[in-house]
All heavy atoms as atom14 arrays in JSON, in Angstrom:
{
  "sequence": "DRERFRVMIGSIAPDGALQEAMRGLGTLTFSLGAS",
  "atom14_mask": [
    [1, 1, 1, 1, 1, 1, 1, 1, 0, 0, 0, 0, 0, 0],
    [1, 1, 1, 1, 1, 1, 1, 1, 1, 1, 1, 0, 0, 0],
    [1, 1, 1, 1, 1, 1, 1, 1, 1, 0, 0, 0, 0, 0],
    [1, 1, 1, 1, 1, 1, 1, 1, 1, 1, 1, 0, 0, 0],
    [1, 1, 1, 1, 1, 1, 1, 1, 1, 1, 1, 0, 0, 0],
    [1, 1, 1, 1, 1, 1, 1, 1, 1, 1, 1, 0, 0, 0],
    [1, 1, 1, 1, 1, 1, 1, 0, 0, 0, 0, 0, 0, 0],
    [1, 1, 1, 1, 1, 1, 1, 1, 0, 0, 0, 0, 0, 0],
    [1, 1, 1, 1, 1, 1, 1, 1, 0, 0, 0, 0, 0, 0],
    [1, 1, 1, 1, 0, 0, 0, 0, 0, 0, 0, 0, 0, 0],
    [1, 1, 1, 1, 1, 1, 0, 0, 0, 0, 0, 0, 0, 0],
    [1, 1, 1, 1, 1, 1, 1, 1, 0, 0, 0, 0, 0, 0],
    [1, 1, 1, 1, 1, 0, 0, 0, 0, 0, 0, 0, 0, 0],
    [1, 1, 1, 1, 1, 1, 1, 0, 0, 0, 0, 0, 0, 0],
    [1, 1, 1, 1, 1, 1, 1, 1, 0, 0, 0, 0, 0, 0],
    [1, 1, 1, 1, 0, 0, 0, 0, 0, 0, 0, 0, 0, 0],
    [1, 1, 1, 1, 1, 0, 0, 0, 0, 0, 0, 0, 0, 0],
    [1, 1, 1, 1, 1, 1, 1, 1, 0, 0, 0, 0, 0, 0],
    [1, 1, 1, 1, 1, 1, 1, 1, 1, 0, 0, 0, 0, 0],
    [1, 1, 1, 1, 1, 1, 1, 1, 1, 0, 0, 0, 0, 0],
    [1, 1, 1, 1, 1, 0, 0, 0, 0, 0, 0, 0, 0, 0],
    [1, 1, 1, 1, 1, 1, 1, 1, 0, 0, 0, 0, 0, 0],
    [1, 1, 1, 1, 1, 1, 1, 1, 1, 1, 1, 0, 0, 0],
    [1, 1, 1, 1, 0, 0, 0, 0, 0, 0, 0, 0, 0, 0],
    [1, 1, 1, 1, 1, 1, 1, 1, 0, 0, 0, 0, 0, 0],
    [1, 1, 1, 1, 0, 0, 0, 0, 0, 0, 0, 0, 0, 0],
    [1, 1, 1, 1, 1, 1, 1, 0, 0, 0, 0, 0, 0, 0],
    [1, 1, 1, 1, 1, 1, 1, 1, 0, 0, 0, 0, 0, 0],
    [1, 1, 1, 1, 1, 1, 1, 0, 0, 0, 0, 0, 0, 0],
    [1, 1, 1, 1, 1, 1, 1, 1, 1, 1, 1, 0, 0, 0],
    [1, 1, 1, 1, 1, 1, 0, 0, 0, 0, 0, 0, 0, 0],
    [1, 1, 1, 1, 1, 1, 1, 1, 0, 0, 0, 0, 0, 0],
    [1, 1, 1, 1, 0, 0, 0, 0, 0, 0, 0, 0, 0, 0],
    [1, 1, 1, 1, 1, 0, 0, 0, 0, 0, 0, 0, 0, 0],
    [1, 1, 1, 1, 1, 1, 0, 0, 0, 0, 0, 0, 0, 0]
  ],
  "atom14_positions": [
    [[-58.55, -15.31, 4.51], [-57.9, -14.06, 4.11], [-58.36, -13.72, 2.69], [-57.87, -14.26, 1.71], [-56.38, -14.24, 4.15], [-55.63, -12.96, 3.82], [-56.24, -12.03, 3.26], [-54.42, -12.91, 4.12], [0.0, 0.0, 0.0], [0.0, 0.0, 0.0], [0.0, 0.0, 0.0], [0.0, 0.0, 0.0], [0.0, 0.0, 0.0], [0.0, 0.0, 0.0]],
    [[-59.32, -12.8, 2.6], [-59.95, -12.5, 1.3], [-59.02, -11.81, 0.32], [-59.28, -11.83, -0.89], [-61.2, -11.66, 1.53], [-62.28, -12.4, 2.3], [-63.47, -11.52, 2.66], [-64.4, -12.25, 3.53], [-65.35, -13.05, 3.11], [-65.53, -13.22, 1.8], [-66.14, -13.67, 3.96], [0.0, 0.0, 0.0], [0.0, 0.0, 0.0], [0.0, 0.0, 0.0]],
    [[-57.97, -11.21, 0.79], [-57.02, -10.56, -0.12], [-56.17, -11.58, -0.85], [-55.71, -11.33, -1.97], [-56.12, -9.59, 0.65], [-56.87, -8.37, 1.18], [-55.92, -7.36, 1.79], [-54.68, -7.61, 1.77], [-56.4, -6.33, 2.29], [0.0, 0.0, 0.0], [0.0, 0.0, 0.0], [0.0, 0.0, 0.0], [0.0, 0.0, 0.0], [0.0, 0.0, 0.0]],
    [[-55.95, -12.73, -0.25], [-55.06, -13.72, -0.85], [-55.77, -14.99, -1.3], [-55.22, -15.74, -2.11], [-53.96, -14.09, 0.15], [-53.1, -12.89, 0.55], [-51.82, -13.31, 1.24], [-52.08, -14.13, 2.42], [-51.6, -15.34, 2.6], [-50.84, -15.91, 1.68], [-51.85, -16.02, 3.7], [0.0, 0.0, 0.0], [0.0, 0.0, 0.0], [0.0, 0.0, 0.0]],
    [[-56.99, -15.25, -0.78], [-57.66, -16.49, -1.1], [-59.15, -16.28, -1.38], [-59.77, -15.36, -0.84], [-57.54, -17.48, 0.08], [-56.13, -17.87, 0.42], [-55.45, -17.21, 1.44], [-55.48, -18.88, -0.29], [-54.16, -17.56, 1.75], [-54.18, -19.23, 0.03], [-53.51, -18.57, 1.05], [0.0, 0.0, 0.0], [0.0, 0.0, 0.0], [0.0, 0.0, 0.0]],
    [[-59.67, -17.15, -2.24], [-61.12, -17.34, -2.36], [-61.41, -18.77, -1.94], [-60.54, -19.63, -2.04], [-61.6, -17.13, -3.8], [-61.46, -15.71, -4.32], [-62.03, -15.61, -5.73], [-61.31, -16.48, -6.65], [-61.87, -17.19, -7.64], [-63.2, -17.16, -7.8], [-61.14, -17.93, -8.44], [0.0, 0.0, 0.0], [0.0, 0.0, 0.0], [0.0, 0.0, 0.0]],
    [[-62.6, -19.02, -1.45], [-62.92, -20.39, -1.07], [-64.18, -20.86, -1.79], [-65.08, -20.08, -2.1], [-63.12, -20.55, 0.46], [-61.84, -20.23, 1.2], [-64.26, -19.72, 0.97], [0.0, 0.0, 0.0], [0.0, 0.0, 0.0], [0.0, 0.0, 0.0], [0.0, 0.0, 0.0], [0.0, 0.0, 0.0], [0.0, 0.0, 0.0], [0.0, 0.0, 0.0]],
    [[-64.19, -22.14, -2.07], [-65.35, -22.84, -2.6], [-65.59, -24.01, -1.65], [-64.67, -24.75, -1.33], [-65.08, -23.35, -4.02], [-66.24, -24.14, -4.62], [-65.86, -24.99, -6.18], [-64.77, -23.86, -6.99], [0.0, 0.0, 0.0], [0.0, 0.0, 0.0], [0.0, 0.0, 0.0], [0.0, 0.0, 0.0], [0.0, 0.0, 0.0], [0.0, 0.0, 0.0]],
    [[-66.81, -24.16, -1.16], [-67.11, -25.17, -0.15], [-68.3, -26.01, -0.62], [-69.37, -25.45, -0.93], [-67.43, -24.53, 1.21], [-66.23, -23.69, 1.69], [-67.77, -25.6, 2.25], [-66.48, -22.89, 2.95], [0.0, 0.0, 0.0], [0.0, 0.0, 0.0], [0.0, 0.0, 0.0], [0.0, 0.0, 0.0], [0.0, 0.0, 0.0], [0.0, 0.0, 0.0]],
    [[-68.11, -27.32, -0.69], [-69.2, -28.16, -1.17], [-69.11, -29.57, -0.63], [-68.29, -29.89, 0.24], [0.0, 0.0, 0.0], [0.0, 0.0, 0.0], [0.0, 0.0, 0.0], [0.0, 0.0, 0.0], [0.0, 0.0, 0.0], [0.0, 0.0, 0.0], [0.0, 0.0, 0.0], [0.0, 0.0, 0.0], [0.0, 0.0, 0.0], [0.0, 0.0, 0.0]],
    [[-69.96, -30.43, -1.16], [-70.1, -31.79, -0.62], [-70.14, -32.85, -1.7], [-70.46, -32.57, -2.87], [-71.39, -31.88, 0.21], [-72.52, -31.72, -0.63], [0.0, 0.0, 0.0], [0.0, 0.0, 0.0], [0.0, 0.0, 0.0], [0.0, 0.0, 0.0], [0.0, 0.0, 0.0], [0.0, 0.0, 0.0], [0.0, 0.0, 0.0], [0.0, 0.0, 0.0]],
    [[-69.85, -34.08, -1.31], [-70.08, -35.22, -2.18], [-71.58, -35.43, -2.34], [-72.07, -35.76, -3.41], [-69.43, -36.48, -1.6], [-67.9, -36.34, -1.55], [-69.81, -37.72, -2.41], [-67.2, -37.51, -0.88], [0.0, 0.0, 0.0], [0.0, 0.0, 0.0], [0.0, 0.0, 0.0], [0.0, 0.0, 0.0], [0.0, 0.0, 0.0], [0.0, 0.0, 0.0]],
    [[-72.32, -35.24, -1.26], [-73.76, -35.48, -1.24], [-74.52, -34.48, -2.12], [-73.99, -33.43, -2.47], [-74.29, -35.39, 0.2], [0.0, 0.0, 0.0], [0.0, 0.0, 0.0], [0.0, 0.0, 0.0], [0.0, 0.0, 0.0], [0.0, 0.0, 0.0], [0.0, 0.0, 0.0], [0.0, 0.0, 0.0], [0.0, 0.0, 0.0], [0.0, 0.0, 0.0]],
    [[-75.76, -34.8, -2.46], [-76.57, -33.88, -3.26], [-76.77, -32.54, -2.57], [-76.58, -32.4, -1.36], [-77.9, -34.62, -3.41], [-77.54, -36.06, -3.25], [-76.44, -36.09, -2.25], [0.0, 0.0, 0.0], [0.0, 0.0, 0.0], [0.0, 0.0, 0.0], [0.0, 0.0, 0.0], [0.0, 0.0, 0.0], [0.0, 0.0, 0.0], [0.0, 0.0, 0.0]],
    [[-77.15, -31.57, -3.35], [-77.39, -30.21, -2.89], [-78.31, -30.21, -1.67], [-79.31, -30.92, -1.62], [-78.01, -29.39, -4.01], [-77.96, -27.9, -3.75], [-78.76, -27.43, -2.93], [-77.13, -27.22, -4.36], [0.0, 0.0, 0.0], [0.0, 0.0, 0.0], [0.0, 0.0, 0.0], [0.0, 0.0, 0.0], [0.0, 0.0, 0.0], [0.0, 0.0, 0.0]],
    [[-77.94, -29.38, -0.66], [-78.76, -29.35, 0.56], [-78.44, -28.14, 1.41], [-78.13, -27.06, 0.9], [0.0, 0.0, 0.0], [0.0, 0.0, 0.0], [0.0, 0.0, 0.0], [0.0, 0.0, 0.0], [0.0, 0.0, 0.0], [0.0, 0.0, 0.0], [0.0, 0.0, 0.0], [0.0, 0.0, 0.0], [0.0, 0.0, 0.0], [0.0, 0.0, 0.0]],
    [[-78.47, -28.34, 2.72], [-78.35, -27.23, 3.66], [-77.0, -26.53, 3.58], [-76.91, -25.31, 3.72], [-78.57, -27.74, 5.08], [0.0, 0.0, 0.0], [0.0, 0.0, 0.0], [0.0, 0.0, 0.0], [0.0, 0.0, 0.0], [0.0, 0.0, 0.0], [0.0, 0.0, 0.0], [0.0, 0.0, 0.0], [0.0, 0.0, 0.0], [0.0, 0.0, 0.0]],
    [[-75.91, -27.29, 3.34], [-74.59, -26.68, 3.22], [-74.55, -25.71, 2.05], [-74.09, -24.57, 2.19], [-73.53, -27.77, 3.04], [-72.1, -27.27, 2.74], [-71.55, -26.47, 3.91], [-71.17, -28.44, 2.43], [0.0, 0.0, 0.0], [0.0, 0.0, 0.0], [0.0, 0.0, 0.0], [0.0, 0.0, 0.0], [0.0, 0.0, 0.0], [0.0, 0.0, 0.0]],
    [[-75.02, -26.16, 0.91], [-75.0, -25.3, -0.28], [-75.87, -24.05, -0.08], [-75.49, -22.95, -0.48], [-75.46, -26.09, -1.5], [-74.45, -27.1, -2.02], [-74.37, -28.36, -1.17], [-75.24, -28.63, -0.35], [-73.32, -29.16, -1.36], [0.0, 0.0, 0.0], [0.0, 0.0, 0.0], [0.0, 0.0, 0.0], [0.0, 0.0, 0.0], [0.0, 0.0, 0.0]],
    [[-77.01, -24.24, 0.54], [-77.89, -23.09, 0.79], [-77.21, -22.07, 1.69], [-77.27, -20.86, 1.45], [-79.19, -23.57, 1.44], [-80.19, -22.47, 1.71], [-81.48, -22.98, 2.32], [-81.66, -24.21, 2.41], [-82.31, -22.14, 2.72], [0.0, 0.0, 0.0], [0.0, 0.0, 0.0], [0.0, 0.0, 0.0], [0.0, 0.0, 0.0], [0.0, 0.0, 0.0]],
    [[-76.52, -22.55, 2.73], [-75.81, -21.65, 3.63], [-74.68, -20.92, 2.92], [-74.48, -19.71, 3.12], [-75.26, -22.44, 4.82], [0.0, 0.0, 0.0], [0.0, 0.0, 0.0], [0.0, 0.0, 0.0], [0.0, 0.0, 0.0], [0.0, 0.0, 0.0], [0.0, 0.0, 0.0], [0.0, 0.0, 0.0], [0.0, 0.0, 0.0], [0.0, 0.0, 0.0]],
    [[-73.93, -21.63, 2.07], [-72.83, -20.99, 1.36], [-73.35, -19.92, 0.38], [-72.77, -18.84, 0.28], [-72.02, -22.04, 0.6], [-71.25, -22.99, 1.5], [-70.11, -22.16, 2.65], [-71.0, -22.35, 4.21], [0.0, 0.0, 0.0], [0.0, 0.0, 0.0], [0.0, 0.0, 0.0], [0.0, 0.0, 0.0], [0.0, 0.0, 0.0], [0.0, 0.0, 0.0]],
    [[-74.43, -20.23, -0.3], [-75.01, -19.23, -1.21], [-75.44, -17.99, -0.44], [-75.29, -16.86, -0.92], [-76.17, -19.84, -1.99], [-75.72, -20.81, -3.1], [-76.87, -21.22, -4.0], [-77.74, -22.2, -3.37], [-77.63, -23.52, -3.53], [-76.67, -24.02, -4.3], [-78.46, -24.35, -2.93], [0.0, 0.0, 0.0], [0.0, 0.0, 0.0], [0.0, 0.0, 0.0]],
    [[-75.98, -18.2, 0.77], [-76.38, -17.07, 1.6], [-75.21, -16.22, 2.03], [-75.37, -15.02, 2.29], [0.0, 0.0, 0.0], [0.0, 0.0, 0.0], [0.0, 0.0, 0.0], [0.0, 0.0, 0.0], [0.0, 0.0, 0.0], [0.0, 0.0, 0.0], [0.0, 0.0, 0.0], [0.0, 0.0, 0.0], [0.0, 0.0, 0.0], [0.0, 0.0, 0.0]],
    [[-74.02, -16.82, 2.11], [-72.82, -16.07, 2.49], [-72.06, -15.53, 1.28], [-71.0, -14.92, 1.43], [-71.88, -16.98, 3.29], [-72.39, -17.4, 4.68], [-71.47, -18.47, 5.27], [-72.46, -16.21, 5.61], [0.0, 0.0, 0.0], [0.0, 0.0, 0.0], [0.0, 0.0, 0.0], [0.0, 0.0, 0.0], [0.0, 0.0, 0.0], [0.0, 0.0, 0.0]],
    [[-72.6, -15.76, 0.08], [-71.92, -15.31, -1.13], [-70.66, -16.1, -1.44], [-69.73, -15.6, -2.08], [0.0, 0.0, 0.0], [0.0, 0.0, 0.0], [0.0, 0.0, 0.0], [0.0, 0.0, 0.0], [0.0, 0.0, 0.0], [0.0, 0.0, 0.0], [0.0, 0.0, 0.0], [0.0, 0.0, 0.0], [0.0, 0.0, 0.0], [0.0, 0.0, 0.0]],
    [[-70.63, -17.36, -1.01], [-69.46, -18.23, -1.19], [-69.73, -19.24, -2.29], [-70.81, -19.83, -2.34], [-69.14, -18.97, 0.13], [-68.82, -18.0, 1.13], [-67.99, -19.93, -0.03], [0.0, 0.0, 0.0], [0.0, 0.0, 0.0], [0.0, 0.0, 0.0], [0.0, 0.0, 0.0], [0.0, 0.0, 0.0], [0.0, 0.0, 0.0], [0.0, 0.0, 0.0]],
    [[-68.75, -19.45, -3.15], [-68.88, -20.47, -4.18], [-69.17, -21.82, -3.54], [-68.57, -22.18, -2.51], [-67.6, -20.57, -5.0], [-67.28, -19.44, -5.99], [-65.87, -19.62, -6.56], [-68.3, -19.41, -7.1], [0.0, 0.0, 0.0], [0.0, 0.0, 0.0], [0.0, 0.0, 0.0], [0.0, 0.0, 0.0], [0.0, 0.0, 0.0], [0.0, 0.0, 0.0]],
    [[-70.05, -22.58, -4.13], [-70.38, -23.89, -3.58], [-70.63, -24.88, -4.7], [-70.76, -24.49, -5.87], [-71.61, -23.8, -2.64], [-71.78, -25.05, -1.97], [-72.87, -23.44, -3.4], [0.0, 0.0, 0.0], [0.0, 0.0, 0.0], [0.0, 0.0, 0.0], [0.0, 0.0, 0.0], [0.0, 0.0, 0.0], [0.0, 0.0, 0.0], [0.0, 0.0, 0.0]],
    [[-70.68, -26.17, -4.33], [-70.89, -27.21, -5.34], [-71.46, -28.44, -4.65], [-71.39, -28.6, -3.43], [-69.58, -27.57, -6.05], [-68.55, -28.2, -5.15], [-68.47, -29.59, -5.03], [-67.66, -27.42, -4.43], [-67.53, -30.18, -4.21], [-66.72, -28.01, -3.59], [-66.65, -29.38, -3.48], [0.0, 0.0, 0.0], [0.0, 0.0, 0.0], [0.0, 0.0, 0.0]],
    [[-71.99, -29.33, -5.44], [-72.43, -30.65, -4.99], [-72.06, -31.65, -6.07], [-72.28, -31.4, -7.26], [-73.95, -30.66, -4.76], [-74.43, -31.98, -4.73], [0.0, 0.0, 0.0], [0.0, 0.0, 0.0], [0.0, 0.0, 0.0], [0.0, 0.0, 0.0], [0.0, 0.0, 0.0], [0.0, 0.0, 0.0], [0.0, 0.0, 0.0], [0.0, 0.0, 0.0]],
    [[-71.51, -32.78, -5.64], [-71.17, -33.84, -6.59], [-72.34, -34.79, -6.82], [-72.26, -35.69, -7.66], [-69.95, -34.62, -6.11], [-68.67, -33.78, -5.92], [-67.52, -34.66, -5.47], [-68.31, -33.01, -7.19], [0.0, 0.0, 0.0], [0.0, 0.0, 0.0], [0.0, 0.0, 0.0], [0.0, 0.0, 0.0], [0.0, 0.0, 0.0], [0.0, 0.0, 0.0]],
    [[-73.42, -34.6, -6.07], [-74.66, -35.31, -6.34], [-74.68, -36.79, -6.02], [-75.55, -37.51, -6.5], [0.0, 0.0, 0.0], [0.0, 0.0, 0.0], [0.0, 0.0, 0.0], [0.0, 0.0, 0.0], [0.0, 0.0, 0.0], [0.0, 0.0, 0.0], [0.0, 0.0, 0.0], [0.0, 0.0, 0.0], [0.0, 0.0, 0.0], [0.0, 0.0, 0.0]],
    [[-73.74, -37.27, -5.17], [-73.69, -38.7, -4.88], [-74.46, -39.0, -3.59], [-74.02, -38.64, -2.5], [-72.24, -39.15, -4.73], [0.0, 0.0, 0.0], [0.0, 0.0, 0.0], [0.0, 0.0, 0.0], [0.0, 0.0, 0.0], [0.0, 0.0, 0.0], [0.0, 0.0, 0.0], [0.0, 0.0, 0.0], [0.0, 0.0, 0.0], [0.0, 0.0, 0.0]],
    [[-75.59, -39.68, -3.73], [-76.41, -40.02, -2.57], [-76.01, -41.36, -1.95], [-76.49, -41.72, -0.89], [-77.88, -40.07, -2.97], [-78.07, -40.99, -4.04], [0.0, 0.0, 0.0], [0.0, 0.0, 0.0], [0.0, 0.0, 0.0], [0.0, 0.0, 0.0], [0.0, 0.0, 0.0], [0.0, 0.0, 0.0], [0.0, 0.0, 0.0], [0.0, 0.0, 0.0]]
  ]
}
């Protein structure tokens, strides 16, 4: 629900396919860089 929430979606693992997909959707993303 974009009127009430924003989402940030990320992983413990290093930057990869998840982050690329989230950036493509204009969604905040992160990586904690733990391999």
